Amino acid sequence: MLLLIHTQRPRICWFLATCLSTFVAQAQRSNPEVAGLEFRHSRITSDLSKGHVNSVAAFLNFPILKTEKRMVGGRLQFGKSTMALYEKGTFSVTRLDLNLFWQRNYSETTRLQFFAQSGLYSDFADISGEDIRYSFGGSYTIRHGPRLTSGSGVQYARQFWGHQINPFIALHYDINDRLKLSGLLPIRPRLEYRLNTSISWVNEISGNVSSYRLSHRGHDSRYVRATQWYGLSSLVLMLKKRHKFSAGLGYDFRNQVQVYENDNHTYWSVVTFPVGKRAQPVADLNARGVRLQVSYHLVVNKNE
């Protein structure tokens, strides 16, 4: 996950991003992922500076309870990003969070799901309760037939700037035997074309907004609001129906990062769009650049 930050004292940049509702997306997949490791390299270009970001992220999904109609599970996530700006040095940020979900199958075609997430999001220079934020939400999913599953839901996120509402539509549509449309609309549509039984070509667009707390000692507990939209095209290789490797090339076409003072002013946002008047940032940076991404996921094959 990536986030780009430019502050006035000292001049520091970093880049991090999160996706919405991992468990809703997982629920749409016939073969869920158990664990994964991902590396990203992004070139950063703006009017103020140039550089790059190297990021590593890992996750582990685990079951808690499973019955005929109910399922409870969780996910641990870790991420670290290091930003290097030419002639301005480097800076790193780390995130660590826990996700939990509860799912109830009311019939063979309908299910209800609730999910929650909380963790630490900061530069980890001095960890405290200020670095914690959380989110929760729910969704209702209907399987319309062998090729189409859809659902709708909403997520509430308590950001450092205030409150965020993320309504979404979850979709899994097998257009034909090779082409599939899935993901969360409008924030992460995903189009996959299966070249053969082992190789797929995946194209996706992703958008999100998030916030991170800077250290009290060096930055007076300022917080960062980061808005990001990017496109990514990847080749995915599945080996022995369990090991999924992917390599992708994309472009971060919007990275707006704003640094705010630590005050009591709060406001609302719907997806990436602020509602009403908000405070003025002490620093504002727009950046863009090419993205390279490779990953490995361990998959459970339900057909075995």
C-alpha atoms as a PDB file:
ATOM      1  CA  MET A   1       0.000   0.000   0.000  1.00  0.00           C
ATOM      2  CA  LEU A   2       1.313   3.424  -0.928  1.00  0.00           C
ATOM      3  CA  LEU A   3       0.965   7.060   0.222  1.00  0.00           C
ATOM      4  CA  LEU A   4       2.868  10.172  -0.817  1.00  0.00           C
ATOM      5  CA  ILE A   5       3.436  12.956   1.671  1.00  0.00           C
ATOM      6  CA  HIS A   6       5.241  16.274   1.409  1.00  0.00           C
ATOM      7  CA  THR A   7       5.678  18.272   4.618  1.00  0.00           C
ATOM      8  CA  GLN A   8       7.152  21.698   5.213  1.00  0.00           C
ATOM      9  CA  ARG A   9       9.478  20.747   8.085  1.00  0.00           C
ATOM     10  CA  PRO A  10      11.414  18.700   7.447  1.00  0.00           C
ATOM     11  CA  ARG A  11      10.766  18.010   3.737  1.00  0.00           C
ATOM     12  CA  ILE A  12       9.599  14.423   3.765  1.00  0.00           C
ATOM     13  CA  CYS A  13       7.586  12.399   1.252  1.00  0.00           C
ATOM     14  CA  TRP A  14       5.969   9.003   1.634  1.00  0.00           C
ATOM     15  CA  PHE A  15       3.260   7.135  -0.127  1.00  0.00           C
ATOM     16  CA  LEU A  16       0.740   4.511   1.116  1.00  0.00           C
ATOM     17  CA  ALA A  17      -2.732   3.373   0.114  1.00  0.00           C
ATOM     18  CA  THR A  18      -5.419   0.989   1.286  1.00  0.00           C
ATOM     19  CA  CYS A  19      -8.223  -0.792  -0.396  1.00  0.00           C
ATOM     20  CA  LEU A  20     -11.735  -1.029   0.860  1.00  0.00           C
ATOM     21  CA  SER A  21     -13.265  -4.149   2.398  1.00  0.00           C
ATOM     22  CA  THR A  22     -10.936  -7.040   1.677  1.00  0.00           C
ATOM     23  CA  PHE A  23     -13.424  -9.573   2.942  1.00  0.00           C
ATOM     24  CA  VAL A  24     -16.221  -8.509   0.605  1.00  0.00           C
ATOM     25  CA  ALA A  25     -13.900  -9.032  -2.357  1.00  0.00           C
ATOM     26  CA  GLN A  26     -12.742 -12.369  -0.948  1.00  0.00           C
ATOM     27  CA  ALA A  27     -16.344 -13.520  -0.612  1.00  0.00           C
ATOM     28  CA  GLN A  28     -16.794 -13.184  -4.369  1.00  0.00           C
ATOM     29  CA  ARG A  29     -13.919 -15.540  -5.190  1.00  0.00           C
ATOM     30  CA  SER A  30     -14.460 -19.275  -5.613  1.00  0.00           C
ATOM     31  CA  ASN A  31     -10.925 -20.058  -4.424  1.00  0.00           C
ATOM     32  CA  PRO A  32     -10.000 -17.752  -1.511  1.00  0.00           C
ATOM     33  CA  GLU A  33      -6.460 -16.690  -0.709  1.00  0.00           C
ATOM     34  CA  VAL A  34      -4.787 -17.865   2.499  1.00  0.00           C
ATOM     35  CA  ALA A  35      -1.689 -15.670   2.525  1.00  0.00           C
ATOM     36  CA  GLY A  36       0.144 -13.279   0.273  1.00  0.00           C
ATOM     37  CA  LEU A  37       3.258 -11.193  -0.225  1.00  0.00           C
ATOM     38  CA  GLU A  38       3.479  -8.160  -2.503  1.00  0.00           C
ATOM     39  CA  PHE A  39       6.196  -5.759  -3.619  1.00  0.00           C
ATOM     40  CA  ARG A  40       5.584  -2.432  -5.387  1.00  0.00           C
ATOM     41  CA  HIS A  41       7.901   0.098  -6.982  1.00  0.00           C
ATOM     42  CA  SER A  42       6.462   3.454  -8.043  1.00  0.00           C
ATOM     43  CA  ARG A  43       8.137   6.342  -9.810  1.00  0.00           C
ATOM     44  CA  ILE A  44       7.036   9.680  -8.364  1.00  0.00           C
ATOM     45  CA  THR A  45       6.769  12.813 -10.497  1.00  0.00           C
ATOM     46  CA  SER A  46       5.398  16.178  -9.336  1.00  0.00           C
ATOM     47  CA  ASP A  47       6.099  19.882  -9.752  1.00  0.00           C
ATOM     48  CA  LEU A  48       7.945  19.849  -6.416  1.00  0.00           C
ATOM     49  CA  SER A  49      10.105  16.752  -6.557  1.00  0.00           C
ATOM     50  CA  LYS A  50      10.923  13.407  -8.171  1.00  0.00           C
ATOM     51  CA  GLY A  51      11.746  10.060  -6.650  1.00  0.00           C
ATOM     52  CA  HIS A  52      10.434   6.570  -6.061  1.00  0.00           C
ATOM     53  CA  VAL A  53       8.665   4.402  -3.485  1.00  0.00           C
ATOM     54  CA  ASN A  54       9.457   0.803  -2.577  1.00  0.00           C
ATOM     55  CA  SER A  55       6.733  -0.998  -0.636  1.00  0.00           C
ATOM     56  CA  VAL A  56       6.270  -4.473   0.770  1.00  0.00           C
ATOM     57  CA  ALA A  57       2.976  -5.833   2.106  1.00  0.00           C
ATOM     58  CA  ALA A  58       1.927  -9.179   3.551  1.00  0.00           C
ATOM     59  CA  PHE A  59      -1.306 -10.705   4.824  1.00  0.00           C
ATOM     60  CA  LEU A  60      -2.524 -13.885   6.492  1.00  0.00           C
ATOM     61  CA  ASN A  61      -6.173 -14.986   6.477  1.00  0.00           C
ATOM     62  CA  PHE A  62      -7.319 -17.320   9.254  1.00  0.00           C
ATOM     63  CA  PRO A  63     -10.592 -19.084  10.144  1.00  0.00           C
ATOM     64  CA  ILE A  64     -12.233 -18.663  13.541  1.00  0.00           C
ATOM     65  CA  LEU A  65     -15.553 -20.483  13.182  1.00  0.00           C
ATOM     66  CA  LYS A  66     -17.310 -22.307  10.345  1.00  0.00           C
ATOM     67  CA  THR A  67     -20.706 -24.029  10.404  1.00  0.00           C
ATOM     68  CA  GLU A  68     -23.216 -24.900   7.703  1.00  0.00           C
ATOM     69  CA  LYS A  69     -24.660 -21.372   7.669  1.00  0.00           C
ATOM     70  CA  ARG A  70     -22.146 -19.205   9.514  1.00  0.00           C
ATOM     71  CA  MET A  71     -18.504 -18.298   9.089  1.00  0.00           C
ATOM     72  CA  VAL A  72     -16.188 -16.081  11.130  1.00  0.00           C
ATOM     73  CA  GLY A  73     -12.662 -15.238  10.042  1.00  0.00           C
ATOM     74  CA  GLY A  74      -9.884 -12.717  10.246  1.00  0.00           C
ATOM     75  CA  ARG A  75      -6.922 -11.229   8.460  1.00  0.00           C
ATOM     76  CA  LEU A  76      -3.619  -9.840   9.755  1.00  0.00           C
ATOM     77  CA  GLN A  77      -1.960  -7.242   7.511  1.00  0.00           C
ATOM     78  CA  PHE A  78       1.468  -5.651   7.581  1.00  0.00           C
ATOM     79  CA  GLY A  79       2.899  -3.052   5.240  1.00  0.00           C
ATOM     80  CA  LYS A  80       6.003  -0.898   5.035  1.00  0.00           C
ATOM     81  CA  SER A  81       6.836   1.767   2.455  1.00  0.00           C
ATOM     82  CA  THR A  82      10.066   3.663   1.940  1.00  0.00           C
ATOM     83  CA  MET A  83      10.121   6.864  -0.074  1.00  0.00           C
ATOM     84  CA  ALA A  84      13.350   8.127  -1.636  1.00  0.00           C
ATOM     85  CA  LEU A  85      13.357  11.670  -3.004  1.00  0.00           C
ATOM     86  CA  TYR A  86      16.256  12.835  -5.097  1.00  0.00           C
ATOM     87  CA  GLU A  87      18.471  15.170  -3.047  1.00  0.00           C
ATOM     88  CA  LYS A  88      16.032  15.041  -0.083  1.00  0.00           C
ATOM     89  CA  GLY A  89      16.681  11.673   1.583  1.00  0.00           C
ATOM     90  CA  THR A  90      14.371   8.804   2.501  1.00  0.00           C
ATOM     91  CA  PHE A  91      11.467   8.196   4.848  1.00  0.00           C
ATOM     92  CA  SER A  92       9.557   5.066   5.896  1.00  0.00           C
ATOM     93  CA  VAL A  93       6.067   4.363   7.235  1.00  0.00           C
ATOM     94  CA  THR A  94       4.524   1.169   8.608  1.00  0.00           C
ATOM     95  CA  ARG A  95       0.999  -0.124   9.070  1.00  0.00           C
ATOM     96  CA  LEU A  96      -0.245  -3.053  11.125  1.00  0.00           C
ATOM     97  CA  ASP A  97      -3.935  -3.957  11.378  1.00  0.00           C
ATOM     98  CA  LEU A  98      -6.430  -6.706  12.120  1.00  0.00           C
ATOM     99  CA  ASN A  99      -9.615  -7.422  10.132  1.00  0.00           C
ATOM    100  CA  LEU A 100     -12.530  -9.537  11.358  1.00  0.00           C
ATOM    101  CA  PHE A 101     -15.683 -10.626   9.522  1.00  0.00           C
ATOM    102  CA  TRP A 102     -18.913 -12.521  10.233  1.00  0.00           C
ATOM    103  CA  GLN A 103     -20.962 -14.111   7.446  1.00  0.00           C
ATOM    104  CA  ARG A 104     -24.434 -15.665   7.562  1.00  0.00           C
ATOM    105  CA  ASN A 105     -25.810 -17.716   4.655  1.00  0.00           C
ATOM    106  CA  TYR A 106     -29.590 -17.433   4.631  1.00  0.00           C
ATOM    107  CA  SER A 107     -29.996 -19.707   1.607  1.00  0.00           C
ATOM    108  CA  GLU A 108     -27.952 -21.158  -1.225  1.00  0.00           C
ATOM    109  CA  THR A 109     -28.172 -17.801  -3.007  1.00  0.00           C
ATOM    110  CA  THR A 110     -28.152 -15.076  -0.302  1.00  0.00           C
ATOM    111  CA  ARG A 111     -25.755 -14.083   2.447  1.00  0.00           C
ATOM    112  CA  LEU A 112     -25.199 -11.232   4.902  1.00  0.00           C
ATOM    113  CA  GLN A 113     -21.750 -10.103   6.022  1.00  0.00           C
ATOM    114  CA  PHE A 114     -20.372  -7.681   8.613  1.00  0.00           C
ATOM    115  CA  PHE A 115     -16.714  -6.672   8.861  1.00  0.00           C
ATOM    116  CA  ALA A 116     -14.483  -4.494  11.039  1.00  0.00           C
ATOM    117  CA  GLN A 117     -10.876  -3.334  10.939  1.00  0.00           C
ATOM    118  CA  SER A 118      -8.540  -1.545  13.345  1.00  0.00           C
ATOM    119  CA  GLY A 119      -4.826  -0.937  13.517  1.00  0.00           C
ATOM    120  CA  LEU A 120      -1.843   1.386  13.717  1.00  0.00           C
ATOM    121  CA  TYR A 121      -1.180   3.787  10.825  1.00  0.00           C
ATOM    122  CA  SER A 122       1.819   6.070  11.312  1.00  0.00           C
ATOM    123  CA  ASP A 123       5.534   6.586  10.821  1.00  0.00           C
ATOM    124  CA  PHE A 124       6.060   4.473  14.003  1.00  0.00           C
ATOM    125  CA  ALA A 125       8.500   7.031  15.386  1.00  0.00           C
ATOM    126  CA  ASP A 126       6.555   7.143  18.669  1.00  0.00           C
ATOM    127  CA  ILE A 127       3.622   4.750  18.874  1.00  0.00           C
ATOM    128  CA  SER A 128       0.575   5.863  20.862  1.00  0.00           C
ATOM    129  CA  GLY A 129      -3.207   5.727  20.846  1.00  0.00           C
ATOM    130  CA  GLU A 130      -3.201   8.642  18.390  1.00  0.00           C
ATOM    131  CA  ASP A 131      -1.995   6.246  15.686  1.00  0.00           C
ATOM    132  CA  ILE A 132      -5.076   4.001  15.861  1.00  0.00           C
ATOM    133  CA  ARG A 133      -8.025   4.254  13.515  1.00  0.00           C
ATOM    134  CA  TYR A 134     -10.848   1.863  12.621  1.00  0.00           C
ATOM    135  CA  SER A 135     -13.615   1.033  10.163  1.00  0.00           C
ATOM    136  CA  PHE A 136     -16.643  -1.260   9.967  1.00  0.00           C
ATOM    137  CA  GLY A 137     -19.470  -2.080   7.575  1.00  0.00           C
ATOM    138  CA  GLY A 138     -21.720  -4.676   6.047  1.00  0.00           C
ATOM    139  CA  SER A 139     -22.962  -6.102   2.763  1.00  0.00           C
ATOM    140  CA  TYR A 140     -25.782  -8.266   1.387  1.00  0.00           C
ATOM    141  CA  THR A 141     -24.999 -10.593  -1.526  1.00  0.00           C
ATOM    142  CA  ILE A 142     -27.273 -12.478  -3.943  1.00  0.00           C
ATOM    143  CA  ARG A 143     -26.261 -15.218  -6.391  1.00  0.00           C
ATOM    144  CA  HIS A 144     -28.515 -14.722  -9.405  1.00  0.00           C
ATOM    145  CA  GLY A 145     -27.269 -17.750 -11.324  1.00  0.00           C
ATOM    146  CA  PRO A 146     -24.161 -19.759 -12.152  1.00  0.00           C
ATOM    147  CA  ARG A 147     -22.518 -16.745 -13.814  1.00  0.00           C
ATOM    148  CA  LEU A 148     -23.659 -13.729 -11.785  1.00  0.00           C
ATOM    149  CA  THR A 149     -23.320 -12.760  -8.120  1.00  0.00           C
ATOM    150  CA  SER A 150     -23.944  -9.208  -6.942  1.00  0.00           C
ATOM    151  CA  GLY A 151     -24.363  -7.345  -3.684  1.00  0.00           C
ATOM    152  CA  SER A 152     -24.369  -3.946  -2.078  1.00  0.00           C
ATOM    153  CA  GLY A 153     -22.972  -2.556   1.118  1.00  0.00           C
ATOM    154  CA  VAL A 154     -21.515   0.375   2.978  1.00  0.00           C
ATOM    155  CA  GLN A 155     -18.400   0.973   5.057  1.00  0.00           C
ATOM    156  CA  TYR A 156     -17.817   3.623   7.716  1.00  0.00           C
ATOM    157  CA  ALA A 157     -14.210   4.640   8.410  1.00  0.00           C
ATOM    158  CA  ARG A 158     -13.071   6.829  11.290  1.00  0.00           C
ATOM    159  CA  GLN A 159     -10.242   8.745   9.688  1.00  0.00           C
ATOM    160  CA  PHE A 160      -7.861  11.133  11.427  1.00  0.00           C
ATOM    161  CA  TRP A 161      -9.598  14.048   9.677  1.00  0.00           C
ATOM    162  CA  GLY A 162     -13.117  12.890  10.567  1.00  0.00           C
ATOM    163  CA  HIS A 163     -15.647  10.510   9.029  1.00  0.00           C
ATOM    164  CA  GLN A 164     -15.739   8.644   5.721  1.00  0.00           C
ATOM    165  CA  ILE A 165     -18.656   6.758   4.119  1.00  0.00           C
ATOM    166  CA  ASN A 166     -17.958   4.249   1.346  1.00  0.00           C
ATOM    167  CA  PRO A 167     -21.041   2.814  -0.395  1.00  0.00           C
ATOM    168  CA  PHE A 168     -20.214   0.071  -2.877  1.00  0.00           C
ATOM    169  CA  ILE A 169     -21.558  -2.629  -5.182  1.00  0.00           C
ATOM    170  CA  ALA A 170     -19.849  -6.032  -5.088  1.00  0.00           C
ATOM    171  CA  LEU A 171     -19.891  -7.877  -8.410  1.00  0.00           C
ATOM    172  CA  HIS A 172     -18.737 -11.217  -9.810  1.00  0.00           C
ATOM    173  CA  TYR A 173     -19.911 -11.774 -13.392  1.00  0.00           C
ATOM    174  CA  ASP A 174     -18.591 -14.528 -15.663  1.00  0.00           C
ATOM    175  CA  ILE A 175     -19.315 -12.867 -18.999  1.00  0.00           C
ATOM    176  CA  ASN A 176     -18.227 -16.022 -20.801  1.00  0.00           C
ATOM    177  CA  ASP A 177     -15.889 -18.938 -20.168  1.00  0.00           C
ATOM    178  CA  ARG A 178     -12.819 -16.689 -20.472  1.00  0.00           C
ATOM    179  CA  LEU A 179     -13.888 -13.163 -19.520  1.00  0.00           C
ATOM    180  CA  LYS A 180     -14.854 -12.136 -15.965  1.00  0.00           C
ATOM    181  CA  LEU A 181     -15.834  -8.799 -14.404  1.00  0.00           C
ATOM    182  CA  SER A 182     -15.508  -8.523 -10.622  1.00  0.00           C
ATOM    183  CA  GLY A 183     -14.560  -6.243  -7.760  1.00  0.00           C
ATOM    184  CA  LEU A 184     -16.071  -3.362  -5.851  1.00  0.00           C
ATOM    185  CA  LEU A 185     -17.822  -0.633  -7.826  1.00  0.00           C
ATOM    186  CA  PRO A 186     -17.069   2.237  -8.232  1.00  0.00           C
ATOM    187  CA  ILE A 187     -13.743   2.063  -6.392  1.00  0.00           C
ATOM    188  CA  ARG A 188     -12.126  -1.117  -7.761  1.00  0.00           C
ATOM    189  CA  PRO A 189     -13.520  -2.736 -10.932  1.00  0.00           C
ATOM    190  CA  ARG A 190     -11.481  -5.674 -12.198  1.00  0.00           C
ATOM    191  CA  LEU A 191     -11.626  -7.275 -15.663  1.00  0.00           C
ATOM    192  CA  GLU A 192      -9.931 -10.652 -16.101  1.00  0.00           C
ATOM    193  CA  TYR A 193      -9.347 -12.573 -19.328  1.00  0.00           C
ATOM    194  CA  ARG A 194      -8.250 -16.213 -19.000  1.00  0.00           C
ATOM    195  CA  LEU A 195      -5.696 -17.011 -21.706  1.00  0.00           C
ATOM    196  CA  ASN A 196      -5.504 -20.688 -20.692  1.00  0.00           C
ATOM    197  CA  THR A 197      -5.943 -22.814 -17.573  1.00  0.00           C
ATOM    198  CA  SER A 198      -2.842 -21.306 -15.948  1.00  0.00           C
ATOM    199  CA  ILE A 199      -2.431 -17.740 -17.262  1.00  0.00           C
ATOM    200  CA  SER A 200      -4.788 -14.758 -17.001  1.00  0.00           C
ATOM    201  CA  TRP A 201      -4.605 -11.104 -18.037  1.00  0.00           C
ATOM    202  CA  VAL A 202      -6.056  -8.765 -15.390  1.00  0.00           C
ATOM    203  CA  ASN A 203      -6.862  -5.059 -15.728  1.00  0.00           C
ATOM    204  CA  GLU A 204      -8.113  -2.956 -12.840  1.00  0.00           C
ATOM    205  CA  ILE A 205      -8.711   0.599 -11.673  1.00  0.00           C
ATOM    206  CA  SER A 206      -8.519   1.463  -7.990  1.00  0.00           C
ATOM    207  CA  GLY A 207      -9.345   4.572  -5.970  1.00  0.00           C
ATOM    208  CA  ASN A 208      -9.232   5.282  -2.258  1.00  0.00           C
ATOM    209  CA  VAL A 209      -8.691   7.936   0.363  1.00  0.00           C
ATOM    210  CA  SER A 210      -7.019   7.338   3.713  1.00  0.00           C
ATOM    211  CA  SER A 211      -5.233   9.064   6.581  1.00  0.00           C
ATOM    212  CA  TYR A 212      -2.082   8.550   8.644  1.00  0.00           C
ATOM    213  CA  ARG A 213      -0.718  10.099  11.806  1.00  0.00           C
ATOM    214  CA  LEU A 214       2.778  11.582  11.936  1.00  0.00           C
ATOM    215  CA  SER A 215       4.899  11.426  15.075  1.00  0.00           C
ATOM    216  CA  HIS A 216       4.350  13.746  18.014  1.00  0.00           C
ATOM    217  CA  ARG A 217       8.052  14.486  18.490  1.00  0.00           C
ATOM    218  CA  GLY A 218       8.967  15.420  14.942  1.00  0.00           C
ATOM    219  CA  HIS A 219       5.655  16.601  13.459  1.00  0.00           C
ATOM    220  CA  ASP A 220       3.385  17.673  16.355  1.00  0.00           C
ATOM    221  CA  SER A 221       0.984  14.765  15.603  1.00  0.00           C
ATOM    222  CA  ARG A 222      -0.056  16.205  12.263  1.00  0.00           C
ATOM    223  CA  TYR A 223      -2.097  13.932  10.043  1.00  0.00           C
ATOM    224  CA  VAL A 224      -2.094  13.234   6.330  1.00  0.00           C
ATOM    225  CA  ARG A 225      -5.022  12.835   3.954  1.00  0.00           C
ATOM    226  CA  ALA A 226      -4.061  10.887   0.824  1.00  0.00           C
ATOM    227  CA  THR A 227      -6.273  10.454  -2.252  1.00  0.00           C
ATOM    228  CA  GLN A 228      -5.193   8.008  -4.928  1.00  0.00           C
ATOM    229  CA  TRP A 229      -6.421   6.638  -8.259  1.00  0.00           C
ATOM    230  CA  TYR A 230      -4.370   4.224 -10.369  1.00  0.00           C
ATOM    231  CA  GLY A 231      -4.684   1.742 -13.220  1.00  0.00           C
ATOM    232  CA  LEU A 232      -2.866  -1.597 -13.349  1.00  0.00           C
ATOM    233  CA  SER A 233      -2.492  -4.311 -16.001  1.00  0.00           C
ATOM    234  CA  SER A 234      -1.085  -7.669 -14.839  1.00  0.00           C
ATOM    235  CA  LEU A 235      -0.294 -11.178 -15.999  1.00  0.00           C
ATOM    236  CA  VAL A 236      -1.273 -13.835 -13.451  1.00  0.00           C
ATOM    237  CA  LEU A 237       0.218 -17.344 -13.416  1.00  0.00           C
ATOM    238  CA  MET A 238      -1.398 -20.160 -11.402  1.00  0.00           C
ATOM    239  CA  LEU A 239       0.784 -23.171 -10.610  1.00  0.00           C
ATOM    240  CA  LYS A 240      -0.631 -26.466  -9.320  1.00  0.00           C
ATOM    241  CA  LYS A 241      -3.923 -24.672  -8.540  1.00  0.00           C
ATOM    242  CA  ARG A 242      -2.428 -23.325  -5.301  1.00  0.00           C
ATOM    243  CA  HIS A 243       0.365 -20.873  -6.100  1.00  0.00           C
ATOM    244  CA  LYS A 244      -0.584 -17.614  -7.797  1.00  0.00           C
ATOM    245  CA  PHE A 245       2.129 -15.307  -9.120  1.00  0.00           C
ATOM    246  CA  SER A 246       1.436 -11.946 -10.746  1.00  0.00           C
ATOM    247  CA  ALA A 247       3.461  -9.163 -12.350  1.00  0.00           C
ATOM    248  CA  GLY A 248       1.915  -5.875 -13.399  1.00  0.00           C
ATOM    249  CA  LEU A 249       2.627  -2.489 -14.921  1.00  0.00           C
ATOM    250  CA  GLY A 250       0.422   0.511 -14.184  1.00  0.00           C
ATOM    251  CA  TYR A 251       0.192   4.239 -13.675  1.00  0.00           C
ATOM    252  CA  ASP A 252      -0.668   6.316 -10.612  1.00  0.00           C
ATOM    253  CA  PHE A 253      -2.620   9.059 -12.339  1.00  0.00           C
ATOM    254  CA  ARG A 254      -3.761  10.834  -9.188  1.00  0.00           C
ATOM    255  CA  ASN A 255      -1.909  11.091  -5.880  1.00  0.00           C
ATOM    256  CA  GLN A 256      -3.073  14.072  -3.886  1.00  0.00           C
ATOM    257  CA  VAL A 257      -1.539  14.277  -0.448  1.00  0.00           C
ATOM    258  CA  GLN A 258      -2.398  16.965   2.076  1.00  0.00           C
ATOM    259  CA  VAL A 259      -0.857  17.538   5.503  1.00  0.00           C
ATOM    260  CA  TYR A 260      -3.049  19.038   8.243  1.00  0.00           C
ATOM    261  CA  GLU A 261      -2.453  20.363  11.729  1.00  0.00           C
ATOM    262  CA  ASN A 262      -3.600  18.244  14.667  1.00  0.00           C
ATOM    263  CA  ASP A 263      -6.775  20.092  15.646  1.00  0.00           C
ATOM    264  CA  ASN A 264     -10.384  19.290  16.483  1.00  0.00           C
ATOM    265  CA  HIS A 265     -11.800  20.297  13.100  1.00  0.00           C
ATOM    266  CA  THR A 266     -13.550  17.314  11.485  1.00  0.00           C
ATOM    267  CA  TYR A 267     -15.559  16.826   8.308  1.00  0.00           C
ATOM    268  CA  TRP A 268     -17.198  14.080   6.240  1.00  0.00           C
ATOM    269  CA  SER A 269     -16.124  12.415   3.006  1.00  0.00           C
ATOM    270  CA  VAL A 270     -18.001  10.105   0.617  1.00  0.00           C
ATOM    271  CA  VAL A 271     -15.490   7.713  -0.983  1.00  0.00           C
ATOM    272  CA  THR A 272     -12.756  10.150  -2.142  1.00  0.00           C
ATOM    273  CA  PHE A 273     -14.940  13.291  -2.249  1.00  0.00           C
ATOM    274  CA  PRO A 274     -15.086  15.681   0.742  1.00  0.00           C
ATOM    275  CA  VAL A 275     -18.473  16.986   1.855  1.00  0.00           C
ATOM    276  CA  GLY A 276     -18.740  20.547   3.104  1.00  0.00           C
ATOM    277  CA  LYS A 277     -15.974  22.900   4.161  1.00  0.00           C
ATOM    278  CA  ARG A 278     -12.709  21.497   5.461  1.00  0.00           C
ATOM    279  CA  ALA A 279      -9.581  22.945   7.052  1.00  0.00           C
ATOM    280  CA  GLN A 280      -6.751  24.279   4.909  1.00  0.00           C
ATOM    281  CA  PRO A 281      -3.700  22.001   4.630  1.00  0.00           C
ATOM    282  CA  VAL A 282      -0.260  23.183   5.677  1.00  0.00           C
ATOM    283  CA  ALA A 283       1.163  21.316   2.655  1.00  0.00           C
ATOM    284  CA  ASP A 284      -0.404  20.026  -0.560  1.00  0.00           C
ATOM    285  CA  LEU A 285       1.206  17.816  -3.194  1.00  0.00           C
ATOM    286  CA  ASN A 286      -0.028  16.224  -6.419  1.00  0.00           C
ATOM    287  CA  ALA A 287       2.069  13.423  -7.883  1.00  0.00           C
ATOM    288  CA  ARG A 288       1.896  10.766 -10.572  1.00  0.00           C
ATOM    289  CA  GLY A 289       4.145   8.046 -11.974  1.00  0.00           C
ATOM    290  CA  VAL A 290       4.633   4.545 -13.327  1.00  0.00           C
ATOM    291  CA  ARG A 291       3.893   1.586 -11.038  1.00  0.00           C
ATOM    292  CA  LEU A 292       5.520  -1.869 -11.088  1.00  0.00           C
ATOM    293  CA  GLN A 293       4.003  -4.607  -8.945  1.00  0.00           C
ATOM    294  CA  VAL A 294       4.747  -8.302  -8.282  1.00  0.00           C
ATOM    295  CA  SER A 295       3.011 -10.628  -5.836  1.00  0.00           C
ATOM    296  CA  TYR A 296       2.595 -14.194  -4.637  1.00  0.00           C
ATOM    297  CA  HIS A 297      -0.618 -15.611  -3.139  1.00  0.00           C
ATOM    298  CA  LEU A 298      -1.265 -19.023  -1.611  1.00  0.00           C
ATOM    299  CA  VAL A 299      -4.732 -20.182  -2.706  1.00  0.00           C
ATOM    300  CA  VAL A 300      -7.176 -22.768  -1.341  1.00  0.00           C
ATOM    301  CA  ASN A 301      -8.603 -24.890  -4.150  1.00  0.00           C
ATOM    302  CA  LYS A 302     -12.181 -25.745  -3.143  1.00  0.00           C
ATOM    303  CA  ASN A 303     -12.433 -28.399  -5.874  1.00  0.00           C
ATOM    304  CA  GLU A 304      -9.852 -30.604  -4.172  1.00  0.00           C
END
